[in-house]
Each structure stands twice: as C-alpha cells, then as structure tokens.
Amino acid sequence: MKMRECLLFSLGLLALPLPAEERYLLAAENQVIEVNRAGRVTAVLKHPGHGRIYDAWRLPDGGIFYVHRNGMALFDKKNKLVMEHAAVRNGENGESPGGAVLDGGKRFAILDSVAAEIRVVDRQGAAVSRTPLPDLRPDTVFSHYRMVRPSARGNSFWVAQYGRKAVVEVEAGTGKVLAKIELAEHLVKAPGQHFAFATLEPGDGSLYATTATGLQMLRFDAKRNRTGSWTAAELGLATRYLLGMQRLANGNILLACGDYHIKAPEEGRDLLAEISADGKVAWKLTRAQLVDQIDGFVDPNTGIEEMRITNVHAYDSGQLAKALTVKR
C-alpha cells in the first residue's frame, strides 16, 4: 500500500473504533507513524514542509507533538496543526534535533543547535525560558547536539553532544553543567563511527546512552560506572543505527533502529527492538512489516526505500491519560 491508499487508510482509521492496545509512535524522517505490536499501521501524520523529524510524542488529549529540523509542531487529536515554533536558522535551515513534553503537555522543550540552547515553549508557541548550552564551535552545527530529556533530579536536562561523544546534564535556566559522561573510553571498535545520540533514565538511578552508527548501547549506574554494553551484532540486530529509547512497563528497553543510507534492504532489517536487562531481544519490528503499508524515504543514491525511524514513544491506546508517565 503506497501513499494515496495509505492516506485513505489512515483517514478511515479515524472513523473506525480500534481496540485498546500497546501502540508505538515512530518519528520517521518526514512523517509520524503509529503502529501496533503486530506491525499494523494504525495512523500516519504527514505535514508539508516538515522534514527530518527527530522525536514525536502522543499526548493525553490524543494530539501529537514533534520536533523537526526547522522547529516544533503541535497537532490536535484530529491531526490539525494548532501550534508551531521555529528553530533559529543558519542560512536556509535550522537544526533542532530533539524535543520533550513537559508538565503533562502544558509546555514543550526544543533543542536548538544553531542557537545553542534549550527553549521551553508554551501551547501558544511563546518561549517562556531559555537554557544556554556549551558552545561547540568550530564543530559543524549538525554535529553539535542530539535529543533532550528532563533529568530525574528535576530542574535540569540531559543532552547528547553528538560529535564529541559525550552526554551532559545541564541546569535549567543557567546552563551550568551538572554532570558529564565521556563515552569514548567505553566504546568498542565498530563498523561505523561512534557518536552520542540519546540518553534514557529508566527511573532506577541508571542511565543508558546510544551511539548511532557506532551501534552500541551503554548502561551506567547511579555513580556513572559502566554496568552494561551491547552492540547491534551482540543483540543480533541488522541495522545501521542505534537511536532513541524508552523503558517499558516490564522493565525492558525499547530501542529505535535506523535504516538510513543502507546499501541493501537486509542491512536495515530491524526497526524496533525490545531489549531485556540481560541483553536479550524479546521482540522486534522489521522493515518487511512496514514497507508495503507506507511510503518511506527513497534514498536518491541507492533507490532503496527507507523508514528512517529515529525515535519511538510506546503507550496504551486505551489509557492515553498515562501516555506521558513513561520513561523516555
């Protein structure tokens, strides 16, 4: 099923009752896709001009919030755009590679690499606070930052310094660095280059981090000693990237796997993986399950259709009021 059929399908889903079940909201390049555990696409949101979508969240009112290259966007439960907030541009484009929902959806955080700051924005799109980030020049803007998450200690944020292979906790408002983990000493030899992409605090004092094309997931304890390390090869995953994460109710980690710039479809076979505490794969979502249901991004160099999933938000569709209580 391709774009015309897919749009009709997703619009039809708005009118048909669907069973309450675990759903996964996928940030996927130029669209947001909702799927269930069986791999069935249950909804698609695509807005003109929004590309490189890094992160997406389902809200308790049924709406969707996401961050794309040039800013943030808020949609109501009928997929009507109700708010936008632009990223600062460096020439033609901005670079806003992360966002987070705050205060139950009353406010939102946008990570703005060009401005080197985290802005907190209200539902009308107005900036209500700014947190400066360390200036990473002369590194290219694209290599500065990825992902933003409120920290467990409160009044601070975790961000990943992408090209410098570090994750940093900064105090809200002041930007004071409260903690920093240099990943370089913990990295194994990889088929691709390591970067710092995402963090996750699952709620037990630990911290997870992923390294994108480095294909490694790390776990640190409350004292930031490394207590776990898994590569895509060790997990048996066929993917080009290890990206965003969420802790599931059963304690497992849900991991987004990116199929960007693959040379053959088999190289990007796995799109999501549920990982147990001892490093076992409990469940996977694959390209084969999605590729005939949606229009992905066709790489102009290879002609291969890619799903380009960067992040995932899992929730129970029958309990959307609890959608933001998860650990991401």
Protein backbone atom coordinates (compact mmCIF):
# COMPACT_ATOMS: atom_id res chain seq x y z
CA MET A 1 0.00 0.00 0.00
CA LYS A 2 1.52 3.33 -1.05
CA MET A 3 0.78 6.99 -0.40
CA ARG A 4 -2.74 7.51 -1.80
CA GLU A 5 -4.03 4.26 -0.33
CA CYS A 6 -2.13 4.92 2.89
CA LEU A 7 -3.73 8.33 3.38
CA LEU A 8 -7.19 6.93 2.78
CA PHE A 9 -6.41 4.10 5.14
CA SER A 10 -5.21 6.40 7.93
CA LEU A 11 -8.18 8.75 7.50
CA GLY A 12 -10.53 5.80 7.66
CA LEU A 13 -8.96 4.73 10.92
CA LEU A 14 -10.08 7.99 12.50
CA ALA A 15 -13.70 6.94 11.96
CA LEU A 16 -13.39 3.29 12.92
CA PRO A 17 -13.06 2.14 16.54
CA LEU A 18 -9.78 0.33 17.16
CA PRO A 19 -9.08 -1.97 20.09
CA ALA A 20 -7.13 -0.65 23.06
CA GLU A 21 -3.62 -2.00 22.74
CA GLU A 22 0.03 -1.07 23.00
CA ARG A 23 0.94 1.37 20.23
CA TYR A 24 4.25 2.78 19.03
CA LEU A 25 4.56 6.33 17.69
CA LEU A 26 7.53 6.49 15.32
CA ALA A 27 9.43 9.65 14.34
CA ALA A 28 10.27 8.74 10.75
CA GLU A 29 12.02 11.42 8.64
CA ASN A 30 9.09 13.34 7.08
CA GLN A 31 6.18 11.64 8.84
CA VAL A 32 4.97 10.22 12.13
CA ILE A 33 3.68 6.66 12.02
CA GLU A 34 1.66 4.80 14.65
CA VAL A 35 1.83 1.00 14.64
CA ASN A 36 0.69 -1.76 16.95
CA ARG A 37 2.74 -4.68 18.21
CA ALA A 38 1.71 -6.83 15.25
CA GLY A 39 3.24 -4.23 12.93
CA ARG A 40 -0.08 -2.91 11.60
CA VAL A 41 -0.02 0.80 10.77
CA THR A 42 -2.87 2.42 12.71
CA ALA A 43 -2.27 6.11 11.83
CA VAL A 44 0.00 8.36 9.76
CA LEU A 45 0.67 12.08 10.16
CA LYS A 46 2.49 13.96 7.42
CA HIS A 47 2.66 17.76 7.19
CA PRO A 48 4.03 19.70 4.18
CA GLY A 49 7.44 21.24 4.78
CA HIS A 50 8.29 19.24 7.88
CA GLY A 51 11.33 17.04 7.34
CA ARG A 52 13.97 15.29 9.42
CA ILE A 53 11.57 14.58 12.28
CA TYR A 54 13.74 13.59 15.24
CA ASP A 55 11.24 12.95 18.00
CA ALA A 56 7.47 12.52 18.42
CA TRP A 57 5.12 12.16 21.40
CA ARG A 58 1.49 11.11 21.73
CA LEU A 59 -0.32 13.44 24.16
CA PRO A 60 -3.02 12.59 26.72
CA ASP A 61 -5.62 14.52 24.69
CA GLY A 62 -4.87 12.37 21.63
CA GLY A 63 -2.77 15.02 19.90
CA ILE A 64 0.81 14.72 18.70
CA PHE A 65 3.88 16.83 19.39
CA TYR A 66 7.01 16.50 17.31
CA VAL A 67 10.28 18.22 16.56
CA HIS A 68 11.60 18.53 13.02
CA ARG A 69 14.67 20.15 11.57
CA ASN A 70 13.21 23.64 11.48
CA GLY A 71 11.20 23.70 14.69
CA MET A 72 8.43 22.10 16.70
CA ALA A 73 4.80 21.36 15.83
CA LEU A 74 1.70 20.56 17.87
CA PHE A 75 -1.36 18.82 16.43
CA ASP A 76 -4.76 18.12 17.96
CA LYS A 77 -6.37 14.67 18.01
CA LYS A 78 -7.75 15.23 14.50
CA ASN A 79 -4.24 15.96 13.18
CA LYS A 80 -4.94 19.69 12.82
CA LEU A 81 -1.83 21.82 13.27
CA VAL A 82 -2.50 24.11 16.25
CA MET A 83 0.95 25.47 17.12
CA GLU A 84 4.39 25.91 15.58
CA HIS A 85 7.61 27.32 16.99
CA ALA A 86 10.52 27.90 14.63
CA ALA A 87 14.13 26.95 15.16
CA VAL A 88 16.81 29.58 14.66
CA ARG A 89 18.17 29.18 11.13
CA ASN A 90 21.75 29.08 9.96
CA GLY A 91 21.25 30.06 6.36
CA GLU A 92 18.47 28.06 4.71
CA ASN A 93 17.77 25.60 7.53
CA GLY A 94 17.71 25.24 11.28
CA GLU A 95 18.85 22.28 13.35
CA SER A 96 16.50 21.24 16.14
CA PRO A 97 17.39 17.59 16.82
CA GLY A 98 15.34 16.94 19.93
CA GLY A 99 12.26 17.81 21.92
CA ALA A 100 10.39 16.85 25.07
CA VAL A 101 6.93 17.24 26.57
CA LEU A 102 6.82 18.99 29.95
CA ASP A 103 4.15 19.44 32.63
CA GLY A 104 1.76 16.94 31.11
CA GLY A 105 1.67 18.73 27.77
CA LYS A 106 1.32 22.29 29.03
CA ARG A 107 4.85 23.14 27.88
CA PHE A 108 7.42 21.75 25.46
CA ALA A 109 11.20 21.79 25.19
CA ILE A 110 13.05 22.25 21.90
CA LEU A 111 16.76 21.62 21.46
CA ASP A 112 18.10 24.31 19.11
CA SER A 113 21.64 23.61 17.92
CA VAL A 114 22.02 26.84 15.93
CA ALA A 115 21.06 28.95 18.96
CA ALA A 116 22.95 26.57 21.31
CA GLU A 117 20.08 26.49 23.76
CA ILE A 118 17.05 24.61 25.04
CA ARG A 119 13.88 26.69 24.81
CA VAL A 120 10.77 25.91 26.80
CA VAL A 121 7.65 26.89 24.87
CA ASP A 122 4.01 27.16 25.94
CA ARG A 123 1.00 25.87 23.98
CA GLN A 124 0.69 29.21 22.19
CA GLY A 125 4.24 28.86 20.82
CA ALA A 126 5.84 31.52 23.01
CA ALA A 127 9.24 30.88 24.58
CA VAL A 128 8.94 31.05 28.38
CA SER A 129 12.52 30.14 29.29
CA ARG A 130 15.93 29.53 27.74
CA THR A 131 18.79 27.31 28.86
CA PRO A 132 22.16 28.06 27.21
CA LEU A 133 24.27 25.10 26.10
CA PRO A 134 28.06 24.85 25.80
CA ASP A 135 29.26 26.40 22.54
CA LEU A 136 30.69 23.54 20.47
CA ARG A 137 32.15 25.62 17.66
CA PRO A 138 34.14 25.17 15.45
CA ASP A 139 32.33 21.81 15.07
CA THR A 140 29.66 21.88 12.36
CA VAL A 141 26.16 22.66 13.64
CA PHE A 142 24.94 19.23 12.52
CA SER A 143 27.45 17.56 14.88
CA HIS A 144 26.64 19.67 17.96
CA TYR A 145 23.67 18.09 19.77
CA ARG A 146 21.04 15.34 19.73
CA MET A 147 17.99 14.69 21.92
CA VAL A 148 16.86 16.48 25.06
CA ARG A 149 15.25 14.88 28.10
CA PRO A 150 14.29 16.27 31.52
CA SER A 151 16.54 14.72 34.15
CA ALA A 152 15.39 12.63 37.08
CA ARG A 153 16.79 15.13 39.57
CA GLY A 154 14.45 17.84 38.24
CA ASN A 155 15.22 21.37 37.04
CA SER A 156 17.79 20.08 34.55
CA PHE A 157 18.09 18.41 31.15
CA TRP A 158 20.20 15.69 29.56
CA VAL A 159 21.52 16.32 26.05
CA ALA A 160 23.93 14.39 23.85
CA GLN A 161 26.97 16.14 22.37
CA TYR A 162 26.82 14.21 19.13
CA GLY A 163 30.24 14.67 17.54
CA ARG A 164 32.13 14.91 20.84
CA LYS A 165 30.78 11.57 22.09
CA ALA A 166 29.56 12.85 25.46
CA VAL A 167 26.26 13.15 27.32
CA VAL A 168 25.74 16.19 29.51
CA GLU A 169 23.28 17.23 32.21
CA VAL A 170 22.70 20.98 32.34
CA GLU A 171 20.82 23.05 34.90
CA ALA A 172 17.63 24.59 33.55
CA GLY A 173 17.92 28.34 33.08
CA THR A 174 21.62 28.75 33.85
CA GLY A 175 23.06 26.04 31.59
CA LYS A 176 25.51 25.05 34.32
CA VAL A 177 26.95 21.60 33.58
CA LEU A 178 25.91 19.32 36.46
CA ALA A 179 27.25 16.05 35.08
CA LYS A 180 29.11 14.81 32.02
CA ILE A 181 29.91 11.32 30.79
CA GLU A 182 32.61 10.94 28.17
CA LEU A 183 31.65 7.89 26.15
CA ALA A 184 34.95 7.44 24.28
CA GLU A 185 36.58 5.22 26.90
CA HIS A 186 33.60 2.87 26.89
CA LEU A 187 33.31 2.33 23.14
CA VAL A 188 34.20 -0.80 21.22
CA LYS A 189 35.51 -0.99 17.67
CA ALA A 190 32.54 -0.58 15.36
CA PRO A 191 31.76 -0.84 11.65
CA GLY A 192 30.65 2.81 11.73
CA GLN A 193 31.68 5.94 13.59
CA HIS A 194 30.53 6.40 17.18
CA PHE A 195 28.51 9.47 18.15
CA ALA A 196 26.49 10.37 21.26
CA PHE A 197 22.84 10.22 20.23
CA ALA A 198 20.35 9.67 23.06
CA THR A 199 20.03 9.14 26.80
CA LEU A 200 17.45 7.38 28.94
CA GLU A 201 16.96 7.45 32.71
CA PRO A 202 14.71 4.44 33.41
CA GLY A 203 13.96 5.50 36.98
CA ASP A 204 16.30 3.25 38.99
CA GLY A 205 19.25 5.67 39.06
CA SER A 206 20.87 4.24 35.96
CA LEU A 207 21.46 5.99 32.63
CA TYR A 208 21.51 4.50 29.13
CA ALA A 209 23.18 6.03 26.08
CA THR A 210 23.28 5.10 22.39
CA THR A 211 25.95 5.85 19.78
CA ALA A 212 24.10 5.99 16.41
CA THR A 213 26.32 4.45 13.69
CA GLY A 214 28.61 3.17 16.44
CA LEU A 215 25.83 0.60 17.03
CA GLN A 216 26.39 0.41 20.79
CA MET A 217 24.07 0.84 23.78
CA LEU A 218 25.67 1.60 27.15
CA ARG A 219 24.32 1.45 30.69
CA PHE A 220 25.76 3.37 33.66
CA ASP A 221 24.82 3.08 37.34
CA ALA A 222 23.93 5.96 39.66
CA LYS A 223 27.65 6.68 40.18
CA ARG A 224 28.09 6.63 36.39
CA ASN A 225 30.17 3.49 36.33
CA ARG A 226 29.52 1.40 33.23
CA THR A 227 27.45 -1.67 34.09
CA GLY A 228 26.40 -2.80 30.63
CA SER A 229 27.39 -2.60 26.98
CA TRP A 230 25.66 -4.17 23.98
CA THR A 231 26.43 -3.88 20.28
CA ALA A 232 23.94 -4.46 17.48
CA ALA A 233 25.93 -7.56 16.49
CA GLU A 234 25.74 -8.96 20.03
CA LEU A 235 22.00 -8.34 20.05
CA GLY A 236 21.57 -9.95 16.65
CA LEU A 237 20.14 -6.77 15.13
CA ALA A 238 20.51 -5.86 11.46
CA THR A 239 20.55 -2.05 11.48
CA ARG A 240 22.72 0.95 10.62
CA TYR A 241 21.95 2.98 13.77
CA LEU A 242 21.00 2.56 17.44
CA LEU A 243 18.98 5.65 18.36
CA GLY A 244 16.16 6.68 20.75
CA MET A 245 14.96 4.61 23.73
CA GLN A 246 12.09 4.10 26.17
CA ARG A 247 11.69 1.96 29.27
CA LEU A 248 8.64 -0.30 29.04
CA ALA A 249 6.38 -1.26 31.94
CA ASN A 250 8.04 -4.70 32.13
CA GLY A 251 11.46 -3.08 32.65
CA ASN A 252 12.74 -3.82 29.15
CA ILE A 253 14.22 -1.14 26.90
CA LEU A 254 12.54 -0.29 23.60
CA LEU A 255 15.18 0.77 21.08
CA ALA A 256 14.75 2.57 17.76
CA CYS A 257 16.95 1.23 14.96
CA GLY A 258 17.66 3.46 11.95
CA ASP A 259 17.90 2.22 8.36
CA TYR A 260 19.43 5.40 6.92
CA HIS A 261 21.80 5.04 3.92
CA ILE A 262 21.59 1.27 3.68
CA LYS A 263 23.21 -0.47 0.70
CA ALA A 264 20.76 -3.38 0.71
CA PRO A 265 17.34 -3.85 2.40
CA GLU A 266 18.68 -6.65 4.62
CA GLU A 267 21.18 -4.22 6.19
CA GLY A 268 18.26 -2.31 7.74
CA ARG A 269 16.03 -5.28 8.56
CA ASP A 270 15.20 -4.31 12.16
CA LEU A 271 13.39 -1.05 13.02
CA LEU A 272 12.47 -1.50 16.71
CA ALA A 273 13.82 -3.91 19.31
CA GLU A 274 12.73 -4.68 22.86
CA ILE A 275 15.82 -5.50 24.93
CA SER A 276 15.76 -7.25 28.32
CA ALA A 277 18.05 -6.30 31.20
CA ASP A 278 20.41 -9.17 30.35
CA GLY A 279 20.70 -8.14 26.71
CA LYS A 280 18.21 -10.49 25.07
CA VAL A 281 15.89 -9.39 22.26
CA ALA A 282 12.31 -10.04 23.38
CA TRP A 283 10.54 -8.59 20.31
CA LYS A 284 11.31 -6.82 17.05
CA LEU A 285 9.55 -4.76 14.40
CA THR A 286 11.03 -5.19 10.92
CA ARG A 287 11.12 -3.30 7.64
CA ALA A 288 9.24 -6.11 5.95
CA GLN A 289 6.26 -5.43 8.22
CA LEU A 290 6.04 -1.73 7.26
CA VAL A 291 7.43 -1.25 3.79
CA ASP A 292 4.21 -2.23 1.97
CA GLN A 293 1.97 -0.16 4.27
CA ILE A 294 3.55 3.30 3.99
CA ASP A 295 5.66 5.44 1.69
CA GLY A 296 9.11 5.70 3.17
CA PHE A 297 12.01 7.90 2.08
CA VAL A 298 13.66 6.78 -1.16
CA ASP A 299 17.41 7.29 -0.99
CA PRO A 300 18.38 9.07 -4.24
CA ASN A 301 21.74 7.30 -4.36
CA THR A 302 20.51 3.72 -3.99
CA GLY A 303 16.82 3.88 -4.85
CA ILE A 304 16.11 1.91 -1.66
CA GLU A 305 13.02 2.88 0.33
CA GLU A 306 13.99 3.62 3.95
CA MET A 307 11.75 4.00 7.00
CA ARG A 308 14.27 6.25 8.82
CA ILE A 309 12.90 5.79 12.34
CA THR A 310 14.77 7.93 14.85
CA ASN A 311 12.66 7.64 18.00
CA VAL A 312 9.71 5.77 19.48
CA HIS A 313 7.01 6.52 22.06
CA ALA A 314 5.12 3.46 23.36
CA TYR A 315 1.76 3.79 25.17
CA ASP A 316 -1.55 2.05 25.75
CA SER A 317 -4.09 3.47 23.31
CA GLY A 318 -6.84 2.81 25.83
CA GLN A 319 -5.09 4.82 28.55
CA LEU A 320 -3.80 7.94 26.83
CA ALA A 321 -4.10 9.85 30.10
CA LYS A 322 -0.99 7.90 31.16
CA ALA A 323 0.90 8.34 27.87
CA LEU A 324 3.39 10.78 29.39
CA THR A 325 4.12 8.77 32.53
CA VAL A 326 6.61 6.59 30.64
CA LYS A 327 10.39 6.89 30.91
CA ARG A 328 11.92 8.14 27.68
